Amino acid sequence: MPVFSSTIIGALVAMAIAVPFSPTNGLETRFMSDSTHGAAASAADADADIRALIADQAAAWNRHDAVAWSSRFVPEAEFINILGTPFSGKPAIDGITTRIFASIFKDSHDSVTVQKIMLISPDVAIAHYEHAVSGYTALPPGIQPSEIGADGKGVLRTRMVYVLRRGKDGKWMIVNGQNTAILPAFKAP
């Protein structure tokens, strides 16, 4: 990733963290600066569009359709998976998604919960959401189920963070993503 891109993404994340969070049932969308009259309408549109993108990805996961799942990544996207492995460019993201859908996640089901969406500007946003993946045949080395589901089988929970950019065509696209496994609660001996 070019240094300039890393610097911009780092600055965006730092700005997002610096903004105070006032939860509305734990889920919200807001502008970093609400100085324009159209900000509320634009924020609502962005919220709906980004939530639809995330829902479309979950539906693609549940069909095990790697092409559809990765379709909203820009060509130069960066993605870090739950093992901390970076993937540079959409072809690499397509490739790893194809491999996991053909193997350990071929029978899996994903349920997502959007936690918050922050608009940095009218055309840049950061989304935080949680995956709950069940029905997998195995997990990557070093990863364990986050919890046991109602069916007695493991559920893998992860936290996804996306940096998104609205294109000239009005579509939100993923520029950068990081998925972090949520480990089971520590139990003291």
C-alpha atoms as a PDB file:
ATOM      1  CA  MET A   1       0.000   0.000   0.000  1.00  0.00           C
ATOM      2  CA  PRO A   2       1.481   3.383  -0.851  1.00  0.00           C
ATOM      3  CA  VAL A   3       2.532   5.437   2.168  1.00  0.00           C
ATOM      4  CA  PHE A   4       0.134   8.227   1.146  1.00  0.00           C
ATOM      5  CA  SER A   5      -2.881   5.849   1.238  1.00  0.00           C
ATOM      6  CA  SER A   6      -1.818   4.399   4.601  1.00  0.00           C
ATOM      7  CA  THR A   7      -1.442   7.894   6.013  1.00  0.00           C
ATOM      8  CA  ILE A   8      -4.892   8.963   4.824  1.00  0.00           C
ATOM      9  CA  ILE A   9      -6.572   5.830   6.202  1.00  0.00           C
ATOM     10  CA  GLY A  10      -4.738   6.258   9.504  1.00  0.00           C
ATOM     11  CA  ALA A  11      -5.839   9.892   9.693  1.00  0.00           C
ATOM     12  CA  LEU A  12      -9.457   8.959   8.941  1.00  0.00           C
ATOM     13  CA  VAL A  13      -9.481   6.318  11.652  1.00  0.00           C
ATOM     14  CA  ALA A  14      -7.856   8.726  14.123  1.00  0.00           C
ATOM     15  CA  MET A  15     -10.482  11.389  13.327  1.00  0.00           C
ATOM     16  CA  ALA A  16     -13.277   8.853  13.740  1.00  0.00           C
ATOM     17  CA  ILE A  17     -11.974   7.764  17.133  1.00  0.00           C
ATOM     18  CA  ALA A  18     -11.668  11.390  18.288  1.00  0.00           C
ATOM     19  CA  VAL A  19     -15.373  12.100  17.733  1.00  0.00           C
ATOM     20  CA  PRO A  20     -17.450  11.496  20.870  1.00  0.00           C
ATOM     21  CA  PHE A  21     -19.888   8.602  20.527  1.00  0.00           C
ATOM     22  CA  SER A  22     -23.409   9.077  21.869  1.00  0.00           C
ATOM     23  CA  PRO A  23     -25.234   5.806  21.344  1.00  0.00           C
ATOM     24  CA  THR A  24     -28.773   5.551  20.066  1.00  0.00           C
ATOM     25  CA  ASN A  25     -29.532   1.956  20.963  1.00  0.00           C
ATOM     26  CA  GLY A  26     -25.838   1.355  20.205  1.00  0.00           C
ATOM     27  CA  LEU A  27     -26.369   1.904  16.474  1.00  0.00           C
ATOM     28  CA  GLU A  28     -26.013   5.174  14.653  1.00  0.00           C
ATOM     29  CA  THR A  29     -24.847   7.095  11.649  1.00  0.00           C
ATOM     30  CA  ARG A  30     -23.511  10.607  11.932  1.00  0.00           C
ATOM     31  CA  PHE A  31     -21.441  13.204  10.171  1.00  0.00           C
ATOM     32  CA  MET A  32     -18.136  14.205  11.665  1.00  0.00           C
ATOM     33  CA  SER A  33     -19.276  17.788  10.945  1.00  0.00           C
ATOM     34  CA  ASP A  34     -22.981  18.583  10.598  1.00  0.00           C
ATOM     35  CA  SER A  35     -22.549  22.082   9.162  1.00  0.00           C
ATOM     36  CA  THR A  36     -24.630  21.670   6.015  1.00  0.00           C
ATOM     37  CA  HIS A  37     -28.434  21.730   5.830  1.00  0.00           C
ATOM     38  CA  GLY A  38     -28.562  18.561   3.745  1.00  0.00           C
ATOM     39  CA  ALA A  39     -26.372  16.597   6.145  1.00  0.00           C
ATOM     40  CA  ALA A  40     -29.231  14.756   7.863  1.00  0.00           C
ATOM     41  CA  ALA A  41     -30.780  13.598   4.580  1.00  0.00           C
ATOM     42  CA  SER A  42     -27.370  12.718   3.176  1.00  0.00           C
ATOM     43  CA  ALA A  43     -26.474  10.821   6.366  1.00  0.00           C
ATOM     44  CA  ALA A  44     -29.726   8.859   6.188  1.00  0.00           C
ATOM     45  CA  ASP A  45     -29.101   7.988   2.536  1.00  0.00           C
ATOM     46  CA  ALA A  46     -25.521   6.948   3.281  1.00  0.00           C
ATOM     47  CA  ASP A  47     -26.671   4.877   6.249  1.00  0.00           C
ATOM     48  CA  ALA A  48     -29.241   3.026   4.141  1.00  0.00           C
ATOM     49  CA  ASP A  49     -26.806   2.478   1.257  1.00  0.00           C
ATOM     50  CA  ILE A  50     -23.990   1.182   3.478  1.00  0.00           C
ATOM     51  CA  ARG A  51     -26.336  -1.073   5.450  1.00  0.00           C
ATOM     52  CA  ALA A  52     -27.607  -2.468   2.119  1.00  0.00           C
ATOM     53  CA  LEU A  53     -24.009  -3.132   1.003  1.00  0.00           C
ATOM     54  CA  ILE A  54     -23.324  -5.030   4.245  1.00  0.00           C
ATOM     55  CA  ALA A  55     -26.611  -6.983   3.943  1.00  0.00           C
ATOM     56  CA  ASP A  56     -25.775  -7.845   0.321  1.00  0.00           C
ATOM     57  CA  GLN A  57     -22.391  -9.167   1.450  1.00  0.00           C
ATOM     58  CA  ALA A  58     -24.028 -11.317   4.144  1.00  0.00           C
ATOM     59  CA  ALA A  59     -26.463 -12.719   1.547  1.00  0.00           C
ATOM     60  CA  ALA A  60     -23.534 -13.458  -0.795  1.00  0.00           C
ATOM     61  CA  TRP A  61     -21.701 -15.216   2.080  1.00  0.00           C
ATOM     62  CA  ASN A  62     -24.769 -17.357   2.744  1.00  0.00           C
ATOM     63  CA  ARG A  63     -24.865 -18.340  -0.970  1.00  0.00           C
ATOM     64  CA  HIS A  64     -21.069 -18.920  -0.803  1.00  0.00           C
ATOM     65  CA  ASP A  65     -20.703 -16.549  -3.754  1.00  0.00           C
ATOM     66  CA  ALA A  66     -17.172 -15.136  -3.523  1.00  0.00           C
ATOM     67  CA  VAL A  67     -17.547 -12.914  -6.610  1.00  0.00           C
ATOM     68  CA  ALA A  68     -20.655 -11.207  -5.190  1.00  0.00           C
ATOM     69  CA  TRP A  69     -19.118 -10.959  -1.693  1.00  0.00           C
ATOM     70  CA  SER A  70     -16.049  -9.116  -2.947  1.00  0.00           C
ATOM     71  CA  SER A  71     -17.798  -7.123  -5.693  1.00  0.00           C
ATOM     72  CA  ARG A  72     -17.913  -3.873  -3.686  1.00  0.00           C
ATOM     73  CA  PHE A  73     -14.154  -3.691  -3.041  1.00  0.00           C
ATOM     74  CA  VAL A  74     -12.327  -1.112  -5.178  1.00  0.00           C
ATOM     75  CA  PRO A  75      -9.571  -2.558  -7.422  1.00  0.00           C
ATOM     76  CA  GLU A  76      -6.816  -1.245  -5.124  1.00  0.00           C
ATOM     77  CA  ALA A  77      -8.555  -2.290  -1.850  1.00  0.00           C
ATOM     78  CA  GLU A  78      -6.671  -3.558   1.161  1.00  0.00           C
ATOM     79  CA  PHE A  79      -8.121  -6.227   3.446  1.00  0.00           C
ATOM     80  CA  ILE A  80      -6.782  -7.867   6.619  1.00  0.00           C
ATOM     81  CA  ASN A  81      -8.406 -11.162   7.607  1.00  0.00           C
ATOM     82  CA  ILE A  82      -8.967 -12.623  11.099  1.00  0.00           C
ATOM     83  CA  LEU A  83      -5.457 -14.076  11.139  1.00  0.00           C
ATOM     84  CA  GLY A  84      -3.913 -10.669  10.457  1.00  0.00           C
ATOM     85  CA  THR A  85      -2.977 -11.613   6.897  1.00  0.00           C
ATOM     86  CA  PRO A  86      -3.108  -8.648   4.490  1.00  0.00           C
ATOM     87  CA  PHE A  87      -4.538  -8.959   0.983  1.00  0.00           C
ATOM     88  CA  SER A  88      -3.749  -6.198  -1.496  1.00  0.00           C
ATOM     89  CA  GLY A  89      -6.062  -5.615  -4.430  1.00  0.00           C
ATOM     90  CA  LYS A  90      -9.442  -6.982  -5.376  1.00  0.00           C
ATOM     91  CA  PRO A  91      -8.022 -10.078  -7.163  1.00  0.00           C
ATOM     92  CA  ALA A  92      -6.314 -11.184  -3.923  1.00  0.00           C
ATOM     93  CA  ILE A  93      -9.521 -10.584  -1.943  1.00  0.00           C
ATOM     94  CA  ASP A  94     -11.521 -12.533  -4.554  1.00  0.00           C
ATOM     95  CA  GLY A  95      -8.958 -15.346  -4.350  1.00  0.00           C
ATOM     96  CA  ILE A  96      -9.003 -15.838  -0.583  1.00  0.00           C
ATOM     97  CA  THR A  97     -12.792 -15.598  -0.477  1.00  0.00           C
ATOM     98  CA  THR A  98     -13.098 -18.223  -3.229  1.00  0.00           C
ATOM     99  CA  ARG A  99     -10.752 -20.535  -1.295  1.00  0.00           C
ATOM    100  CA  ILE A 100     -12.579 -20.270   2.042  1.00  0.00           C
ATOM    101  CA  PHE A 101     -16.002 -20.738   0.389  1.00  0.00           C
ATOM    102  CA  ALA A 102     -14.689 -23.900  -1.281  1.00  0.00           C
ATOM    103  CA  SER A 103     -13.322 -25.290   1.981  1.00  0.00           C
ATOM    104  CA  ILE A 104     -13.836 -24.463   5.671  1.00  0.00           C
ATOM    105  CA  PHE A 105     -16.754 -22.042   5.173  1.00  0.00           C
ATOM    106  CA  LYS A 106     -18.514 -23.939   2.353  1.00  0.00           C
ATOM    107  CA  ASP A 107     -21.548 -24.756   4.536  1.00  0.00           C
ATOM    108  CA  SER A 108     -21.409 -21.718   6.812  1.00  0.00           C
ATOM    109  CA  HIS A 109     -24.068 -19.136   7.586  1.00  0.00           C
ATOM    110  CA  ASP A 110     -23.324 -15.489   8.407  1.00  0.00           C
ATOM    111  CA  SER A 111     -25.538 -13.139  10.403  1.00  0.00           C
ATOM    112  CA  VAL A 112     -24.425  -9.503  10.719  1.00  0.00           C
ATOM    113  CA  THR A 113     -25.217  -6.667  13.117  1.00  0.00           C
ATOM    114  CA  VAL A 114     -24.204  -3.134  12.155  1.00  0.00           C
ATOM    115  CA  GLN A 115     -22.864  -1.337  15.221  1.00  0.00           C
ATOM    116  CA  LYS A 116     -22.205   2.128  13.794  1.00  0.00           C
ATOM    117  CA  ILE A 117     -21.558   4.026  10.608  1.00  0.00           C
ATOM    118  CA  MET A 118     -19.630   7.294  10.743  1.00  0.00           C
ATOM    119  CA  LEU A 119     -19.508   9.711   7.848  1.00  0.00           C
ATOM    120  CA  ILE A 120     -16.134  11.410   7.705  1.00  0.00           C
ATOM    121  CA  SER A 121     -17.346  13.489   4.764  1.00  0.00           C
ATOM    122  CA  PRO A 122     -20.285  13.105   2.382  1.00  0.00           C
ATOM    123  CA  ASP A 123     -18.184  10.634   0.352  1.00  0.00           C
ATOM    124  CA  VAL A 124     -16.104   8.805   2.999  1.00  0.00           C
ATOM    125  CA  ALA A 125     -17.453   6.591   5.790  1.00  0.00           C
ATOM    126  CA  ILE A 126     -16.299   4.078   8.366  1.00  0.00           C
ATOM    127  CA  ALA A 127     -18.576   1.145   9.234  1.00  0.00           C
ATOM    128  CA  HIS A 128     -18.275  -1.144  12.255  1.00  0.00           C
ATOM    129  CA  TYR A 129     -20.239  -4.361  12.345  1.00  0.00           C
ATOM    130  CA  GLU A 130     -20.196  -7.840  13.807  1.00  0.00           C
ATOM    131  CA  HIS A 131     -20.371 -11.209  12.062  1.00  0.00           C
ATOM    132  CA  ALA A 132     -21.756 -14.370  13.694  1.00  0.00           C
ATOM    133  CA  VAL A 133     -20.652 -17.317  11.547  1.00  0.00           C
ATOM    134  CA  SER A 134     -21.975 -20.821  12.157  1.00  0.00           C
ATOM    135  CA  GLY A 135     -21.980 -24.077  10.204  1.00  0.00           C
ATOM    136  CA  TYR A 136     -18.283 -24.031   9.318  1.00  0.00           C
ATOM    137  CA  THR A 137     -16.389 -27.300   8.920  1.00  0.00           C
ATOM    138  CA  ALA A 138     -13.197 -25.996  10.552  1.00  0.00           C
ATOM    139  CA  LEU A 139     -11.567 -22.728  11.569  1.00  0.00           C
ATOM    140  CA  PRO A 140      -8.206 -21.288  10.529  1.00  0.00           C
ATOM    141  CA  PRO A 141      -5.202 -22.311  12.654  1.00  0.00           C
ATOM    142  CA  GLY A 142      -5.176 -20.510  15.998  1.00  0.00           C
ATOM    143  CA  ILE A 143      -8.823 -19.416  15.751  1.00  0.00           C
ATOM    144  CA  GLN A 144     -11.428 -20.939  18.032  1.00  0.00           C
ATOM    145  CA  PRO A 145     -15.199 -20.517  18.347  1.00  0.00           C
ATOM    146  CA  SER A 146     -16.214 -17.366  20.193  1.00  0.00           C
ATOM    147  CA  GLU A 147     -19.106 -19.154  21.852  1.00  0.00           C
ATOM    148  CA  ILE A 148     -21.305 -22.227  21.667  1.00  0.00           C
ATOM    149  CA  GLY A 149     -24.589 -21.689  19.835  1.00  0.00           C
ATOM    150  CA  ALA A 150     -28.059 -22.896  20.808  1.00  0.00           C
ATOM    151  CA  ASP A 151     -27.466 -25.977  18.635  1.00  0.00           C
ATOM    152  CA  GLY A 152     -24.402 -26.925  20.703  1.00  0.00           C
ATOM    153  CA  LYS A 153     -22.015 -26.062  17.861  1.00  0.00           C
ATOM    154  CA  GLY A 154     -19.441 -23.296  17.703  1.00  0.00           C
ATOM    155  CA  VAL A 155     -20.165 -19.747  16.567  1.00  0.00           C
ATOM    156  CA  LEU A 156     -17.334 -17.556  15.323  1.00  0.00           C
ATOM    157  CA  ARG A 157     -17.879 -13.868  16.024  1.00  0.00           C
ATOM    158  CA  THR A 158     -15.749 -11.231  14.353  1.00  0.00           C
ATOM    159  CA  ARG A 159     -15.679  -7.435  14.232  1.00  0.00           C
ATOM    160  CA  MET A 160     -15.358  -5.914  10.782  1.00  0.00           C
ATOM    161  CA  VAL A 161     -14.292  -2.341  10.139  1.00  0.00           C
ATOM    162  CA  TYR A 162     -14.627  -0.882   6.646  1.00  0.00           C
ATOM    163  CA  VAL A 163     -13.440   2.397   5.210  1.00  0.00           C
ATOM    164  CA  LEU A 164     -15.796   3.199   2.333  1.00  0.00           C
ATOM    165  CA  ARG A 165     -15.782   5.781  -0.437  1.00  0.00           C
ATOM    166  CA  ARG A 166     -18.756   6.938  -2.506  1.00  0.00           C
ATOM    167  CA  GLY A 167     -17.896   6.881  -6.191  1.00  0.00           C
ATOM    168  CA  LYS A 168     -18.942   9.378  -8.840  1.00  0.00           C
ATOM    169  CA  ASP A 169     -21.761   6.968  -9.707  1.00  0.00           C
ATOM    170  CA  GLY A 170     -23.075   7.344  -6.114  1.00  0.00           C
ATOM    171  CA  LYS A 171     -22.239   3.747  -5.114  1.00  0.00           C
ATOM    172  CA  TRP A 172     -20.387   3.104  -1.880  1.00  0.00           C
ATOM    173  CA  MET A 173     -17.283   0.961  -2.343  1.00  0.00           C
ATOM    174  CA  ILE A 174     -14.926  -0.631   0.189  1.00  0.00           C
ATOM    175  CA  VAL A 175     -11.417   0.845   0.206  1.00  0.00           C
ATOM    176  CA  ASN A 176     -10.058  -0.901   3.294  1.00  0.00           C
ATOM    177  CA  GLY A 177     -11.296  -3.607   5.621  1.00  0.00           C
ATOM    178  CA  GLN A 178     -10.099  -5.371   8.733  1.00  0.00           C
ATOM    179  CA  ASN A 179     -11.789  -8.371  10.325  1.00  0.00           C
ATOM    180  CA  THR A 180     -10.853  -9.261  13.909  1.00  0.00           C
ATOM    181  CA  ALA A 181     -11.831 -12.508  15.609  1.00  0.00           C
ATOM    182  CA  ILE A 182     -13.657 -12.098  18.928  1.00  0.00           C
ATOM    183  CA  LEU A 183     -12.042 -14.576  21.299  1.00  0.00           C
ATOM    184  CA  PRO A 184     -14.014 -16.491  23.928  1.00  0.00           C
ATOM    185  CA  ALA A 185     -14.203 -14.868  27.333  1.00  0.00           C
ATOM    186  CA  PHE A 186     -11.196 -15.693  29.484  1.00  0.00           C
ATOM    187  CA  LYS A 187     -12.009 -18.017  32.380  1.00  0.00           C
ATOM    188  CA  ALA A 188      -9.604 -17.821  35.302  1.00  0.00           C
ATOM    189  CA  PRO A 189      -8.504 -21.203  36.708  1.00  0.00           C
END
